[in-house]
C-alpha cells in the first residue's frame, strides 16, 4: 500500500496528475503546446500541493 501521509510522495503524485491532465486538456481542446502545458500544469500542481499541505497541517 502507498503511504500518502508522506507529504513528498503526496506532492509528487499530485504534481504529476495536474501536469498530465493539464497537458491533455490543452492539447485536445485548445490545440496548445504540450511542453508549455506540462510546465503550467506542474506549476499548478505545486501551488495546489503547497496550499493543501499548509491548510491541512496539524499544529
N, C-alpha and C. Protein backbone atom coordinates (compact mmCIF):
# COMPACT_ATOMS: atom_id res chain seq x y z
N UNK A 1 0.85 -1.18 0.00
CA UNK A 1 0.00 0.00 0.00
C UNK A 1 0.89 1.24 0.00
N UNK A 2 0.47 2.26 -0.71
CA UNK A 2 1.22 3.50 -0.81
C UNK A 2 0.80 4.42 0.32
N UNK A 3 1.79 5.02 0.98
CA UNK A 3 1.53 5.90 2.13
C UNK A 3 1.44 7.35 1.66
N UNK A 4 0.23 7.84 1.45
CA UNK A 4 0.04 9.22 1.02
C UNK A 4 0.11 10.20 2.19
N UNK A 5 0.40 9.70 3.38
CA UNK A 5 0.64 10.58 4.53
C UNK A 5 1.99 11.30 4.38
N UNK A 6 2.88 10.72 3.60
CA UNK A 6 4.18 11.33 3.34
C UNK A 6 3.96 12.52 2.40
N UNK A 7 4.28 13.74 2.85
CA UNK A 7 3.99 14.91 2.02
C UNK A 7 4.79 14.94 0.71
N UNK A 8 5.98 14.36 0.69
CA UNK A 8 6.78 14.35 -0.54
C UNK A 8 6.15 13.44 -1.60
N UNK A 9 5.69 12.28 -1.18
CA UNK A 9 5.03 11.36 -2.11
C UNK A 9 3.69 11.94 -2.57
N UNK A 10 2.94 12.47 -1.64
CA UNK A 10 1.67 13.10 -1.99
C UNK A 10 1.90 14.23 -3.00
N UNK A 11 2.88 15.07 -2.74
CA UNK A 11 3.17 16.18 -3.63
C UNK A 11 3.59 15.73 -5.02
N UNK A 12 4.42 14.71 -5.10
CA UNK A 12 4.87 14.21 -6.40
C UNK A 12 3.70 13.65 -7.19
N UNK A 13 2.83 12.92 -6.54
CA UNK A 13 1.67 12.34 -7.23
C UNK A 13 0.73 13.44 -7.71
N UNK A 14 0.46 14.41 -6.86
CA UNK A 14 -0.46 15.50 -7.24
C UNK A 14 0.11 16.32 -8.39
N UNK A 15 1.38 16.64 -8.33
CA UNK A 15 2.01 17.42 -9.41
C UNK A 15 1.96 16.63 -10.71
N UNK A 16 2.23 15.35 -10.66
CA UNK A 16 2.17 14.52 -11.86
C UNK A 16 0.77 14.47 -12.45
N UNK A 17 -0.22 14.30 -11.60
CA UNK A 17 -1.61 14.25 -12.08
C UNK A 17 -2.01 15.58 -12.70
N UNK A 18 -1.68 16.68 -12.04
CA UNK A 18 -2.02 18.00 -12.60
C UNK A 18 -1.34 18.20 -13.95
N UNK A 19 -0.08 17.82 -14.07
CA UNK A 19 0.65 18.02 -15.32
C UNK A 19 0.03 17.20 -16.45
N UNK A 20 -0.31 15.96 -16.17
CA UNK A 20 -0.90 15.09 -17.20
C UNK A 20 -2.27 15.61 -17.63
N UNK A 21 -3.11 15.95 -16.67
CA UNK A 21 -4.45 16.42 -17.02
C UNK A 21 -4.39 17.75 -17.75
N UNK A 22 -3.58 18.67 -17.27
CA UNK A 22 -3.47 19.99 -17.89
C UNK A 22 -2.94 19.88 -19.31
N UNK A 23 -1.95 19.00 -19.52
CA UNK A 23 -1.40 18.79 -20.86
C UNK A 23 -2.44 18.19 -21.79
N UNK A 24 -3.15 17.17 -21.32
CA UNK A 24 -4.17 16.54 -22.16
C UNK A 24 -5.26 17.53 -22.54
N UNK A 25 -5.74 18.29 -21.58
CA UNK A 25 -6.79 19.27 -21.87
C UNK A 25 -6.30 20.34 -22.85
N UNK A 26 -5.09 20.80 -22.68
CA UNK A 26 -4.55 21.84 -23.54
C UNK A 26 -4.36 21.34 -24.97
N UNK A 27 -3.85 20.14 -25.11
CA UNK A 27 -3.59 19.61 -26.45
C UNK A 27 -4.88 19.24 -27.16
N UNK A 28 -5.80 18.59 -26.45
CA UNK A 28 -7.02 18.10 -27.08
C UNK A 28 -8.01 19.24 -27.38
N UNK A 29 -8.25 20.09 -26.40
CA UNK A 29 -9.30 21.08 -26.56
C UNK A 29 -8.80 22.44 -27.06
N UNK A 30 -7.59 22.81 -26.73
CA UNK A 30 -7.11 24.14 -27.07
C UNK A 30 -5.99 24.12 -28.11
N UNK A 31 -5.62 22.94 -28.60
CA UNK A 31 -4.57 22.79 -29.61
C UNK A 31 -3.30 23.54 -29.19
N UNK A 32 -2.92 23.31 -27.95
CA UNK A 32 -1.80 24.05 -27.38
C UNK A 32 -0.48 23.31 -27.46
N UNK A 33 0.52 23.95 -26.95
CA UNK A 33 1.87 23.41 -26.89
C UNK A 33 1.96 22.45 -25.70
N UNK A 34 2.36 21.21 -25.95
CA UNK A 34 2.38 20.19 -24.89
C UNK A 34 3.41 20.53 -23.81
N UNK A 35 4.58 20.99 -24.19
CA UNK A 35 5.61 21.29 -23.19
C UNK A 35 5.20 22.46 -22.31
N UNK A 36 4.67 23.50 -22.90
CA UNK A 36 4.21 24.65 -22.12
C UNK A 36 3.07 24.27 -21.18
N UNK A 37 2.17 23.42 -21.67
CA UNK A 37 1.06 22.98 -20.84
C UNK A 37 1.56 22.12 -19.69
N UNK A 38 2.56 21.29 -19.93
CA UNK A 38 3.12 20.45 -18.86
C UNK A 38 3.76 21.31 -17.78
N UNK A 39 4.45 22.36 -18.18
CA UNK A 39 5.08 23.26 -17.21
C UNK A 39 4.00 23.99 -16.41
N UNK A 40 2.97 24.47 -17.08
CA UNK A 40 1.88 25.15 -16.38
C UNK A 40 1.15 24.20 -15.44
N UNK A 41 0.91 22.98 -15.88
CA UNK A 41 0.26 22.00 -15.03
C UNK A 41 1.11 21.64 -13.83
N UNK A 42 2.41 21.52 -14.04
CA UNK A 42 3.31 21.25 -12.92
C UNK A 42 3.32 22.39 -11.91
N UNK A 43 3.34 23.60 -12.42
CA UNK A 43 3.31 24.76 -11.52
C UNK A 43 2.00 24.82 -10.75
N UNK A 44 0.91 24.52 -11.43
CA UNK A 44 -0.39 24.49 -10.75
C UNK A 44 -0.44 23.40 -9.70
N UNK A 45 0.16 22.26 -9.99
CA UNK A 45 0.22 21.17 -9.03
C UNK A 45 1.03 21.52 -7.80
N UNK A 46 2.14 22.20 -8.01
CA UNK A 46 2.97 22.64 -6.88
C UNK A 46 2.21 23.63 -6.02
N UNK A 47 1.54 24.58 -6.66
CA UNK A 47 0.77 25.58 -5.91
C UNK A 47 -0.37 24.91 -5.14
N UNK A 48 -1.07 23.98 -5.77
CA UNK A 48 -2.15 23.29 -5.08
C UNK A 48 -1.62 22.48 -3.91
N UNK A 49 -0.54 21.74 -4.13
CA UNK A 49 0.02 20.90 -3.08
C UNK A 49 0.48 21.73 -1.89
N UNK A 50 1.18 22.83 -2.17
CA UNK A 50 1.66 23.68 -1.08
C UNK A 50 0.49 24.26 -0.29
N UNK A 51 -0.54 24.73 -0.99
CA UNK A 51 -1.71 25.28 -0.32
C UNK A 51 -2.43 24.22 0.49
N UNK A 52 -2.63 23.05 -0.09
CA UNK A 52 -3.32 21.96 0.59
C UNK A 52 -2.58 21.54 1.85
N UNK A 53 -1.27 21.37 1.74
CA UNK A 53 -0.50 20.95 2.90
C UNK A 53 -0.47 22.04 3.98
N UNK A 54 -0.46 23.30 3.57
CA UNK A 54 -0.49 24.39 4.54
C UNK A 54 -1.82 24.44 5.28
N UNK A 55 -2.91 24.28 4.56
CA UNK A 55 -4.24 24.37 5.16
C UNK A 55 -4.53 23.17 6.06
N UNK A 56 -4.05 21.99 5.70
CA UNK A 56 -4.38 20.79 6.46
C UNK A 56 -3.29 20.36 7.43
N UNK A 57 -2.33 21.23 7.69
CA UNK A 57 -1.25 20.83 8.60
C UNK A 57 -1.79 20.66 10.01
N UNK A 58 -1.12 19.81 10.76
CA UNK A 58 -1.52 19.55 12.15
C UNK A 58 -0.62 20.37 13.07
N UNK A 59 -1.19 21.32 13.74
CA UNK A 59 -0.39 22.14 14.68
C UNK A 59 -0.40 21.54 16.05
